[in-house]
Amino acid sequence: MEIKIQAIHFDATDKLQAFIEKKTAKLEKTYEDIQAVEVVCKVVKPATAQNKEVSITVNVPGNRVFVEKVSDTFEEATDLCVDSLKVQLQKIKEKMRNR
């Protein structure tokens, strides 16, 4: 599984990148055939709260799953995205089983 992390309007720290990689790697427990994960971290409206946006795109055979969350911290937004992705990947897995 290939993980790409992109930071827009700021420089991502090594600590943040390691956190994102660790969280997204756990998605493989839910769905084994993940080909690539693209994570985009963005600061929107720098002067306000709830200004950290994380969007994650997961490529699986025959599907592309996209989630975008906004929060106070990138870590919190990443957690929310990963939780949402787990649910979506579980649904895709169920559909594949029923075929």
N, C-alpha and C. Protein backbone atom coordinates (compact mmCIF):
# COMPACT_ATOMS: atom_id res chain seq x y z
N MET A 1 0.84 -1.17 0.00
CA MET A 1 0.00 0.00 0.00
C MET A 1 0.90 1.25 0.00
N GLU A 2 0.60 2.13 -0.93
CA GLU A 2 1.39 3.36 -1.06
C GLU A 2 0.64 4.52 -0.39
N ILE A 3 1.34 5.26 0.45
CA ILE A 3 0.72 6.39 1.16
C ILE A 3 1.40 7.68 0.72
N LYS A 4 0.60 8.62 0.18
CA LYS A 4 1.11 9.93 -0.22
C LYS A 4 0.51 10.97 0.69
N ILE A 5 1.37 11.84 1.24
CA ILE A 5 0.89 12.91 2.11
C ILE A 5 1.26 14.25 1.49
N GLN A 6 0.27 15.12 1.37
CA GLN A 6 0.48 16.43 0.77
C GLN A 6 0.01 17.50 1.76
N ALA A 7 0.83 18.50 2.00
CA ALA A 7 0.47 19.60 2.90
C ALA A 7 0.31 20.88 2.09
N ILE A 8 -0.84 21.53 2.23
CA ILE A 8 -1.12 22.76 1.49
C ILE A 8 -1.19 23.93 2.46
N HIS A 9 -0.48 25.01 2.17
CA HIS A 9 -0.43 26.24 2.96
C HIS A 9 0.31 26.08 4.29
N PHE A 10 1.08 25.02 4.46
CA PHE A 10 1.91 24.87 5.66
C PHE A 10 2.90 23.74 5.42
N ASP A 11 3.89 23.61 6.32
CA ASP A 11 4.85 22.52 6.23
C ASP A 11 4.50 21.48 7.29
N ALA A 12 4.26 20.25 6.84
CA ALA A 12 3.90 19.17 7.77
C ALA A 12 5.15 18.71 8.52
N THR A 13 5.03 18.54 9.81
CA THR A 13 6.15 18.06 10.62
C THR A 13 6.31 16.56 10.43
N ASP A 14 7.48 16.05 10.78
CA ASP A 14 7.72 14.61 10.70
C ASP A 14 6.77 13.87 11.62
N LYS A 15 6.50 14.47 12.78
CA LYS A 15 5.59 13.86 13.75
C LYS A 15 4.19 13.70 13.16
N LEU A 16 3.69 14.74 12.48
CA LEU A 16 2.37 14.68 11.85
C LEU A 16 2.35 13.63 10.75
N GLN A 17 3.39 13.59 9.92
CA GLN A 17 3.45 12.60 8.84
C GLN A 17 3.47 11.19 9.40
N ALA A 18 4.23 10.96 10.46
CA ALA A 18 4.29 9.63 11.08
C ALA A 18 2.92 9.25 11.64
N PHE A 19 2.24 10.21 12.25
CA PHE A 19 0.90 9.96 12.80
C PHE A 19 -0.07 9.55 11.69
N ILE A 20 -0.06 10.30 10.58
CA ILE A 20 -0.96 10.01 9.46
C ILE A 20 -0.65 8.64 8.86
N GLU A 21 0.63 8.35 8.67
CA GLU A 21 1.01 7.04 8.12
C GLU A 21 0.56 5.90 9.02
N LYS A 22 0.73 6.08 10.33
CA LYS A 22 0.34 5.04 11.28
C LYS A 22 -1.17 4.80 11.23
N LYS A 23 -1.95 5.89 11.21
CA LYS A 23 -3.42 5.77 11.19
C LYS A 23 -3.92 5.16 9.88
N THR A 24 -3.39 5.62 8.75
CA THR A 24 -3.87 5.10 7.47
C THR A 24 -3.43 3.66 7.24
N ALA A 25 -2.31 3.26 7.81
CA ALA A 25 -1.85 1.87 7.67
C ALA A 25 -2.84 0.92 8.33
N LYS A 26 -3.53 1.38 9.35
CA LYS A 26 -4.51 0.53 10.05
C LYS A 26 -5.72 0.20 9.16
N LEU A 27 -5.93 0.96 8.09
CA LEU A 27 -7.04 0.68 7.18
C LEU A 27 -6.90 -0.68 6.52
N GLU A 28 -5.66 -1.17 6.40
CA GLU A 28 -5.45 -2.48 5.78
C GLU A 28 -6.06 -3.61 6.59
N LYS A 29 -6.27 -3.39 7.88
CA LYS A 29 -6.94 -4.41 8.70
C LYS A 29 -8.40 -4.55 8.29
N THR A 30 -9.00 -3.44 7.84
CA THR A 30 -10.41 -3.45 7.43
C THR A 30 -10.56 -3.98 6.01
N TYR A 31 -9.66 -3.56 5.12
CA TYR A 31 -9.75 -3.96 3.71
C TYR A 31 -8.33 -4.23 3.21
N GLU A 32 -8.08 -5.47 2.84
CA GLU A 32 -6.70 -5.91 2.54
C GLU A 32 -6.16 -5.41 1.20
N ASP A 33 -7.04 -5.19 0.22
CA ASP A 33 -6.59 -4.89 -1.15
C ASP A 33 -6.44 -3.41 -1.46
N ILE A 34 -6.10 -2.60 -0.49
CA ILE A 34 -5.92 -1.17 -0.73
C ILE A 34 -4.66 -0.97 -1.57
N GLN A 35 -4.81 -0.23 -2.69
CA GLN A 35 -3.68 -0.01 -3.58
C GLN A 35 -2.91 1.25 -3.20
N ALA A 36 -3.63 2.34 -2.96
CA ALA A 36 -2.96 3.61 -2.64
C ALA A 36 -3.84 4.47 -1.74
N VAL A 37 -3.19 5.29 -0.93
CA VAL A 37 -3.89 6.22 -0.06
C VAL A 37 -3.27 7.60 -0.28
N GLU A 38 -4.11 8.59 -0.58
CA GLU A 38 -3.64 9.96 -0.76
C GLU A 38 -4.25 10.81 0.34
N VAL A 39 -3.39 11.48 1.10
CA VAL A 39 -3.84 12.32 2.21
C VAL A 39 -3.47 13.77 1.89
N VAL A 40 -4.45 14.66 1.94
CA VAL A 40 -4.20 16.08 1.70
C VAL A 40 -4.58 16.84 2.96
N CYS A 41 -3.61 17.53 3.54
CA CYS A 41 -3.84 18.36 4.73
C CYS A 41 -3.79 19.82 4.30
N LYS A 42 -4.79 20.58 4.75
CA LYS A 42 -4.90 21.96 4.29
C LYS A 42 -5.33 22.85 5.45
N VAL A 43 -4.77 24.06 5.50
CA VAL A 43 -5.21 25.06 6.47
C VAL A 43 -6.15 26.01 5.74
N VAL A 44 -7.40 26.07 6.21
CA VAL A 44 -8.36 26.99 5.61
C VAL A 44 -8.67 28.09 6.62
N LYS A 45 -8.77 29.31 6.16
CA LYS A 45 -9.03 30.47 7.03
C LYS A 45 -8.12 30.44 8.26
N PRO A 46 -6.85 30.75 8.12
CA PRO A 46 -5.88 30.61 9.21
C PRO A 46 -6.25 31.27 10.53
N ALA A 47 -7.08 32.29 10.55
CA ALA A 47 -7.36 33.02 11.79
C ALA A 47 -8.50 32.42 12.62
N THR A 48 -9.18 31.39 12.13
CA THR A 48 -10.35 30.87 12.83
C THR A 48 -10.09 29.50 13.44
N ALA A 49 -10.97 29.09 14.35
CA ALA A 49 -10.93 27.72 14.88
C ALA A 49 -11.54 26.79 13.83
N GLN A 50 -11.41 25.50 14.04
CA GLN A 50 -11.94 24.52 13.08
C GLN A 50 -11.41 24.81 11.67
N ASN A 51 -10.09 25.01 11.56
CA ASN A 51 -9.53 25.41 10.27
C ASN A 51 -8.58 24.38 9.67
N LYS A 52 -8.50 23.19 10.23
CA LYS A 52 -7.62 22.15 9.69
C LYS A 52 -8.47 21.14 8.92
N GLU A 53 -8.19 21.04 7.63
CA GLU A 53 -8.98 20.15 6.77
C GLU A 53 -8.11 19.01 6.29
N VAL A 54 -8.61 17.79 6.45
CA VAL A 54 -7.91 16.60 5.97
C VAL A 54 -8.84 15.86 5.03
N SER A 55 -8.34 15.54 3.84
CA SER A 55 -9.11 14.71 2.92
C SER A 55 -8.27 13.50 2.55
N ILE A 56 -8.91 12.35 2.57
CA ILE A 56 -8.21 11.10 2.27
C ILE A 56 -8.94 10.40 1.14
N THR A 57 -8.17 9.99 0.13
CA THR A 57 -8.69 9.21 -0.99
C THR A 57 -8.04 7.84 -0.94
N VAL A 58 -8.86 6.80 -0.93
CA VAL A 58 -8.36 5.43 -0.89
C VAL A 58 -8.73 4.74 -2.19
N ASN A 59 -7.73 4.20 -2.88
CA ASN A 59 -7.97 3.47 -4.12
C ASN A 59 -7.97 1.97 -3.83
N VAL A 60 -9.11 1.35 -4.12
CA VAL A 60 -9.23 -0.10 -4.00
C VAL A 60 -9.69 -0.62 -5.36
N PRO A 61 -9.47 -1.89 -5.66
CA PRO A 61 -9.87 -2.40 -6.98
C PRO A 61 -11.35 -2.12 -7.28
N GLY A 62 -11.60 -1.37 -8.36
CA GLY A 62 -12.96 -1.09 -8.79
C GLY A 62 -13.63 0.06 -8.06
N ASN A 63 -12.98 0.65 -7.09
CA ASN A 63 -13.60 1.74 -6.31
C ASN A 63 -12.58 2.78 -5.91
N ARG A 64 -13.09 3.97 -5.62
CA ARG A 64 -12.29 5.04 -5.04
C ARG A 64 -13.14 5.63 -3.92
N VAL A 65 -12.61 5.63 -2.71
CA VAL A 65 -13.34 6.12 -1.55
C VAL A 65 -12.71 7.45 -1.12
N PHE A 66 -13.57 8.45 -0.90
CA PHE A 66 -13.09 9.79 -0.54
C PHE A 66 -13.79 10.27 0.72
N VAL A 67 -13.01 10.83 1.65
CA VAL A 67 -13.55 11.40 2.88
C VAL A 67 -12.83 12.72 3.15
N GLU A 68 -13.59 13.70 3.63
CA GLU A 68 -13.00 15.00 3.96
C GLU A 68 -13.60 15.47 5.28
N LYS A 69 -12.74 15.86 6.22
CA LYS A 69 -13.19 16.31 7.53
C LYS A 69 -12.45 17.59 7.92
N VAL A 70 -13.11 18.44 8.70
CA VAL A 70 -12.52 19.68 9.20
C VAL A 70 -12.56 19.63 10.72
N SER A 71 -11.46 20.03 11.35
CA SER A 71 -11.38 19.97 12.81
C SER A 71 -10.39 21.02 13.34
N ASP A 72 -10.17 21.01 14.66
CA ASP A 72 -9.22 21.94 15.28
C ASP A 72 -7.77 21.54 15.03
N THR A 73 -7.51 20.22 14.95
CA THR A 73 -6.14 19.73 14.72
C THR A 73 -6.14 18.74 13.56
N PHE A 74 -4.99 18.59 12.95
CA PHE A 74 -4.87 17.62 11.86
C PHE A 74 -5.04 16.20 12.38
N GLU A 75 -4.56 15.96 13.59
CA GLU A 75 -4.67 14.62 14.17
C GLU A 75 -6.14 14.23 14.37
N GLU A 76 -6.92 15.16 14.90
CA GLU A 76 -8.34 14.89 15.12
C GLU A 76 -9.07 14.68 13.80
N ALA A 77 -8.78 15.51 12.81
CA ALA A 77 -9.42 15.37 11.50
C ALA A 77 -9.02 14.05 10.85
N THR A 78 -7.76 13.64 11.02
CA THR A 78 -7.30 12.37 10.47
C THR A 78 -8.04 11.20 11.13
N ASP A 79 -8.18 11.26 12.45
CA ASP A 79 -8.94 10.22 13.17
C ASP A 79 -10.36 10.11 12.63
N LEU A 80 -11.02 11.25 12.45
CA LEU A 80 -12.40 11.25 11.95
C LEU A 80 -12.47 10.65 10.54
N CYS A 81 -11.51 11.00 9.71
CA CYS A 81 -11.47 10.47 8.34
C CYS A 81 -11.28 8.96 8.34
N VAL A 82 -10.32 8.49 9.15
CA VAL A 82 -10.02 7.06 9.18
C VAL A 82 -11.23 6.27 9.69
N ASP A 83 -11.92 6.79 10.72
CA ASP A 83 -13.12 6.13 11.23
C ASP A 83 -14.19 6.03 10.15
N SER A 84 -14.39 7.11 9.42
CA SER A 84 -15.38 7.13 8.35
C SER A 84 -14.99 6.18 7.22
N LEU A 85 -13.70 6.14 6.90
CA LEU A 85 -13.23 5.24 5.84
C LEU A 85 -13.42 3.78 6.22
N LYS A 86 -13.20 3.45 7.49
CA LYS A 86 -13.39 2.07 7.93
C LYS A 86 -14.82 1.61 7.66
N VAL A 87 -15.80 2.47 7.94
CA VAL A 87 -17.20 2.14 7.70
C VAL A 87 -17.45 1.93 6.21
N GLN A 88 -16.94 2.85 5.38
CA GLN A 88 -17.16 2.75 3.94
C GLN A 88 -16.49 1.51 3.35
N LEU A 89 -15.25 1.23 3.80
CA LEU A 89 -14.54 0.06 3.29
C LEU A 89 -15.23 -1.23 3.72
N GLN A 90 -15.80 -1.23 4.92
CA GLN A 90 -16.54 -2.40 5.40
C GLN A 90 -17.75 -2.66 4.51
N LYS A 91 -18.45 -1.59 4.11
CA LYS A 91 -19.61 -1.72 3.22
C LYS A 91 -19.20 -2.29 1.86
N ILE A 92 -18.08 -1.79 1.33
CA ILE A 92 -17.58 -2.28 0.05
C ILE A 92 -17.24 -3.77 0.15
N LYS A 93 -16.60 -4.14 1.26
CA LYS A 93 -16.22 -5.53 1.49
C LYS A 93 -17.46 -6.43 1.55
N GLU A 94 -18.51 -5.96 2.22
CA GLU A 94 -19.77 -6.72 2.32
C GLU A 94 -20.38 -6.92 0.93
N LYS A 95 -20.37 -5.87 0.12
CA LYS A 95 -20.92 -5.98 -1.24
C LYS A 95 -20.15 -7.01 -2.06
N MET A 96 -18.83 -7.00 -1.90
CA MET A 96 -17.98 -7.95 -2.65
C MET A 96 -18.28 -9.38 -2.21
N ARG A 97 -18.52 -9.58 -0.92
CA ARG A 97 -18.83 -10.91 -0.40
C ARG A 97 -20.15 -11.44 -0.92
N ASN A 98 -21.11 -10.54 -1.08
CA ASN A 98 -22.45 -10.95 -1.51
C ASN A 98 -22.52 -11.30 -2.99
N ARG A 99 -21.49 -11.03 -3.73
CA ARG A 99 -21.50 -11.35 -5.17
C ARG A 99 -21.14 -12.79 -5.42
